[in-house]
């Protein structure tokens, strides 16, 4: 079954009415497609993934290049009337966190759990030099060096390279111009995933504790920054278990 667009902003996997809802926020340079494919291996949830403009089915649209723009646009259309869990990887973790904060500011229903992956606590000061101003070739090479995950054909196809550089640049501008603004910690349970071989260590993952009032659970998997590509079955079982346990706890509350 092909994924079904939910408006422009969300792409939904297989419809499963009554199952716990999971919203996924892709990493920098990523698109909804990779995460929607998880739906086949997560029959216990109804999964939707955020599709930012400038990629996938929205390739012709102008990209967004600031966190405020991204958050405002997502919050405007995000369905929050039913219980749900939010997952974000890398830049997607930061976006998910800021979306939840904006949902609180606007009095909307908060997720039953926030799951962040492969990203240090938002208050952590960045030390890597900015890359969003680099020429296309240098930008792509630097991103590949830092995190990997870029298919080799990108480097040999000029049109593909230009397309990918366009939304990579926008995503890294979102990240590199982001400024964390102190607020009260979120009253949301938090789970943190990461790869054992990622440059982001366990201490940086555990530092998320200062951003929520609930206890934080940290779990690291074999692999690097994109650990879920190396061990998808193990990771998706863990993800399903977190969503399922959260849903049970919500019904019991």
Protein backbone atom coordinates (compact mmCIF):
# COMPACT_ATOMS: atom_id res chain seq x y z
CA UNK A 1 0.00 0.00 0.00
CA UNK A 2 1.36 3.44 -0.94
CA UNK A 3 1.70 6.06 1.80
CA UNK A 4 -1.19 8.50 1.87
CA UNK A 5 -0.51 12.26 2.15
CA UNK A 6 -2.19 13.87 5.16
CA UNK A 7 -2.41 17.39 3.80
CA UNK A 8 0.99 18.58 2.58
CA UNK A 9 2.79 18.24 5.87
CA UNK A 10 2.29 14.63 6.95
CA UNK A 11 2.67 11.42 5.02
CA UNK A 12 0.86 8.52 6.64
CA UNK A 13 1.70 4.86 6.48
CA UNK A 14 -0.99 2.22 6.64
CA UNK A 15 -4.17 3.49 8.28
CA UNK A 16 -4.80 1.69 11.57
CA UNK A 17 -7.72 3.37 13.33
CA UNK A 18 -7.66 2.89 17.08
CA UNK A 19 -3.92 2.15 17.24
CA UNK A 20 -1.52 4.51 19.04
CA UNK A 21 -0.39 7.37 16.80
CA UNK A 22 3.30 8.02 16.17
CA UNK A 23 4.56 11.19 14.45
CA UNK A 24 8.13 11.05 13.11
CA UNK A 25 10.38 14.04 12.41
CA UNK A 26 13.19 13.27 9.91
CA UNK A 27 16.86 14.16 10.29
CA UNK A 28 18.55 16.98 8.40
CA UNK A 29 18.47 16.23 4.68
CA UNK A 30 15.92 13.47 5.28
CA UNK A 31 12.37 13.05 4.06
CA UNK A 32 9.21 11.39 5.28
CA UNK A 33 9.66 8.35 3.02
CA UNK A 34 12.34 6.60 5.10
CA UNK A 35 10.25 6.75 8.24
CA UNK A 36 6.93 5.93 6.62
CA UNK A 37 8.49 2.65 5.46
CA UNK A 38 8.75 1.72 9.13
CA UNK A 39 4.97 1.41 9.16
CA UNK A 40 5.18 -2.06 7.62
CA UNK A 41 7.24 -3.28 10.58
CA UNK A 42 5.21 -1.44 13.20
CA UNK A 43 1.74 -2.98 12.90
CA UNK A 44 0.85 -1.91 16.44
CA UNK A 45 0.96 1.82 15.62
CA UNK A 46 -0.42 4.28 13.07
CA UNK A 47 2.63 6.16 11.82
CA UNK A 48 2.86 9.51 10.09
CA UNK A 49 6.02 11.40 9.14
CA UNK A 50 6.55 15.10 8.64
CA UNK A 51 7.30 16.15 5.06
CA UNK A 52 9.03 19.51 5.01
CA UNK A 53 8.83 21.62 1.82
CA UNK A 54 11.59 21.26 -0.73
CA UNK A 55 11.82 17.46 -0.73
CA UNK A 56 9.83 14.37 -1.62
CA UNK A 57 6.32 15.21 -2.80
CA UNK A 58 7.01 18.89 -1.99
CA UNK A 59 10.20 19.22 -4.01
CA UNK A 60 9.07 22.30 -5.96
CA UNK A 61 8.12 24.31 -2.86
CA UNK A 62 10.37 26.91 -1.21
CA UNK A 63 12.43 25.50 1.65
CA UNK A 64 12.23 26.81 5.22
CA UNK A 65 15.50 27.92 6.77
CA UNK A 66 14.74 28.96 10.37
CA UNK A 67 13.49 26.96 13.33
CA UNK A 68 10.68 29.45 14.00
CA UNK A 69 9.36 29.02 10.44
CA UNK A 70 9.43 25.23 10.64
CA UNK A 71 7.83 25.04 14.08
CA UNK A 72 5.05 27.53 13.31
CA UNK A 73 4.14 25.73 10.09
CA UNK A 74 4.08 22.27 11.67
CA UNK A 75 2.14 23.31 14.77
CA UNK A 76 -0.52 24.97 12.62
CA UNK A 77 -1.44 21.67 10.95
CA UNK A 78 -0.42 19.00 13.48
CA UNK A 79 -3.39 16.87 14.61
CA UNK A 80 -3.30 16.65 18.41
CA UNK A 81 -6.84 15.73 19.42
CA UNK A 82 -6.08 12.03 20.02
CA UNK A 83 -3.29 10.51 22.15
CA UNK A 84 0.03 10.43 20.31
CA UNK A 85 3.79 9.95 20.63
CA UNK A 86 6.46 12.01 18.86
CA UNK A 87 9.78 10.66 17.55
CA UNK A 88 12.57 12.76 16.03
CA UNK A 89 16.05 11.82 14.84
CA UNK A 90 19.03 14.21 14.80
CA UNK A 91 17.78 17.63 13.64
CA UNK A 92 14.32 16.06 13.78
CA UNK A 93 14.77 15.55 17.52
CA UNK A 94 15.40 19.26 18.00
CA UNK A 95 12.45 20.20 15.78
CA UNK A 96 10.18 17.77 17.62
CA UNK A 97 11.22 19.26 20.97
CA UNK A 98 10.54 22.80 19.79
CA UNK A 99 7.19 21.74 18.29
CA UNK A 100 6.14 20.29 21.65
CA UNK A 101 7.21 23.49 23.40
CA UNK A 102 5.12 25.54 20.97
CA UNK A 103 2.16 23.20 21.48
CA UNK A 104 2.40 23.93 25.20
CA UNK A 105 2.59 27.69 24.62
CA UNK A 106 -0.57 27.56 22.50
CA UNK A 107 -2.51 25.36 24.91
CA UNK A 108 -2.65 22.31 22.65
CA UNK A 109 -2.65 18.68 23.75
CA UNK A 110 0.91 17.46 24.41
CA UNK A 111 2.24 14.06 23.34
CA UNK A 112 2.08 11.18 25.79
CA UNK A 113 5.81 10.73 25.19
CA UNK A 114 8.64 12.40 23.32
CA UNK A 115 11.30 10.12 21.82
CA UNK A 116 14.47 11.88 20.70
CA UNK A 117 17.28 10.18 18.81
CA UNK A 118 20.88 10.97 17.91
CA UNK A 119 20.96 14.53 19.23
CA UNK A 120 22.41 16.18 22.35
CA UNK A 121 20.29 18.19 24.77
CA UNK A 122 19.03 21.43 23.16
CA UNK A 123 20.91 23.65 25.60
CA UNK A 124 24.24 22.10 24.58
CA UNK A 125 26.52 24.63 22.94
CA UNK A 126 27.48 23.71 19.39
CA UNK A 127 31.21 23.51 18.66
CA UNK A 128 31.22 22.39 15.03
CA UNK A 129 31.87 25.16 12.48
CA UNK A 130 28.80 26.13 10.41
CA UNK A 131 28.44 24.57 6.97
CA UNK A 132 25.26 26.02 5.52
CA UNK A 133 27.18 28.75 3.70
CA UNK A 134 29.56 26.36 1.92
CA UNK A 135 29.39 25.69 -1.86
CA UNK A 136 27.36 22.62 -2.79
CA UNK A 137 30.29 20.20 -3.19
CA UNK A 138 31.88 21.22 0.11
CA UNK A 139 28.56 21.17 1.94
CA UNK A 140 27.73 17.64 0.83
CA UNK A 141 31.26 16.40 1.55
CA UNK A 142 31.26 17.90 5.05
CA UNK A 143 27.84 16.44 5.92
CA UNK A 144 28.94 13.02 4.66
CA UNK A 145 32.11 13.25 6.78
CA UNK A 146 30.21 14.19 9.92
CA UNK A 147 27.29 11.80 9.74
CA UNK A 148 27.49 9.64 6.62
CA UNK A 149 24.16 8.46 5.28
CA UNK A 150 24.43 10.06 1.82
CA UNK A 151 24.15 7.70 -1.18
CA UNK A 152 27.19 7.67 -3.46
CA UNK A 153 25.17 8.55 -6.57
CA UNK A 154 24.61 12.05 -5.18
CA UNK A 155 28.25 12.85 -5.84
CA UNK A 156 28.12 11.85 -9.51
CA UNK A 157 24.77 13.28 -10.64
CA UNK A 158 24.87 17.11 -10.95
CA UNK A 159 21.08 17.55 -10.84
CA UNK A 160 20.69 15.25 -7.85
CA UNK A 161 23.58 16.96 -6.09
CA UNK A 162 22.02 20.40 -6.56
CA UNK A 163 18.65 19.16 -5.31
CA UNK A 164 20.10 17.53 -2.20
CA UNK A 165 22.36 20.50 -1.46
CA UNK A 166 19.32 22.79 -1.54
CA UNK A 167 17.49 21.13 1.30
CA UNK A 168 20.63 20.13 3.20
CA UNK A 169 21.62 23.80 3.23
CA UNK A 170 18.19 24.82 4.51
CA UNK A 171 18.21 22.17 7.25
CA UNK A 172 21.70 23.07 8.42
CA UNK A 173 20.72 26.73 8.45
CA UNK A 174 17.81 25.79 10.72
CA UNK A 175 20.25 24.01 13.01
CA UNK A 176 23.11 26.49 12.92
CA UNK A 177 20.99 29.59 13.49
CA UNK A 178 18.98 27.95 16.28
CA UNK A 179 19.17 29.57 19.70
CA UNK A 180 17.83 27.71 22.71
CA UNK A 181 15.52 29.86 24.86
CA UNK A 182 15.12 28.79 28.50
CA UNK A 183 11.60 27.78 29.56
CA UNK A 184 10.09 25.54 32.20
CA UNK A 185 10.88 21.86 31.52
CA UNK A 186 8.25 19.96 29.58
CA UNK A 187 5.85 17.79 31.63
CA UNK A 188 6.31 14.93 29.15
CA UNK A 189 7.98 11.52 29.59
CA UNK A 190 11.13 11.33 27.48
CA UNK A 191 12.99 8.44 25.88
CA UNK A 192 16.38 9.00 24.26
CA UNK A 193 17.80 6.67 21.59
CA UNK A 194 21.33 6.74 20.19
CA UNK A 195 24.06 4.73 18.51
CA UNK A 196 26.94 3.44 20.62
CA UNK A 197 29.45 4.43 17.95
CA UNK A 198 27.96 7.86 17.29
CA UNK A 199 30.02 10.94 18.17
CA UNK A 200 27.16 11.93 20.49
CA UNK A 201 27.94 10.12 23.73
CA UNK A 202 25.75 8.83 26.54
CA UNK A 203 26.38 11.87 28.78
CA UNK A 204 25.14 14.18 26.03
CA UNK A 205 22.03 12.03 25.61
CA UNK A 206 21.35 11.95 29.35
CA UNK A 207 21.61 15.75 29.49
CA UNK A 208 18.09 15.83 28.03
CA UNK A 209 16.91 15.27 31.61
CA UNK A 210 17.10 19.01 32.35
CA UNK A 211 14.47 19.68 29.67
CA UNK A 212 11.65 17.56 31.13
CA UNK A 213 10.12 17.04 34.57
CA UNK A 214 9.63 13.30 34.05
CA UNK A 215 12.34 10.65 34.30
CA UNK A 216 14.41 10.11 31.17
CA UNK A 217 15.16 6.68 29.74
CA UNK A 218 18.28 6.37 27.57
CA UNK A 219 18.90 3.42 25.27
CA UNK A 220 21.88 3.00 22.96
CA UNK A 221 22.01 0.54 20.08
CA UNK A 222 24.93 -0.93 18.14
CA UNK A 223 25.85 1.40 15.29
CA UNK A 224 26.70 4.98 14.43
CA UNK A 225 24.57 8.08 13.89
CA UNK A 226 22.19 6.13 11.64
CA UNK A 227 22.11 3.09 13.92
CA UNK A 228 18.51 2.30 12.91
CA UNK A 229 19.66 1.53 9.36
CA UNK A 230 22.18 -0.99 10.66
CA UNK A 231 19.82 -2.79 13.06
CA UNK A 232 16.29 -1.90 11.93
CA UNK A 233 14.49 -4.89 13.43
CA UNK A 234 15.99 -4.39 16.90
CA UNK A 235 15.39 -0.65 16.90
CA UNK A 236 11.83 -0.86 15.62
CA UNK A 237 10.94 -3.50 18.21
CA UNK A 238 12.23 -1.15 20.89
CA UNK A 239 10.34 1.78 19.39
CA UNK A 240 7.11 -0.22 19.21
CA UNK A 241 7.54 -1.29 22.84
CA UNK A 242 7.95 2.31 23.99
CA UNK A 243 4.85 3.46 22.10
CA UNK A 244 2.82 0.49 23.31
CA UNK A 245 3.85 0.93 26.94
CA UNK A 246 3.08 4.64 26.77
CA UNK A 247 -0.38 3.96 25.34
CA UNK A 248 -1.16 1.43 28.08
CA UNK A 249 -0.01 3.86 30.77
CA UNK A 250 -2.15 6.61 29.22
CA UNK A 251 -5.27 4.43 29.26
CA UNK A 252 -4.61 3.48 32.88
CA UNK A 253 -4.15 7.10 34.00
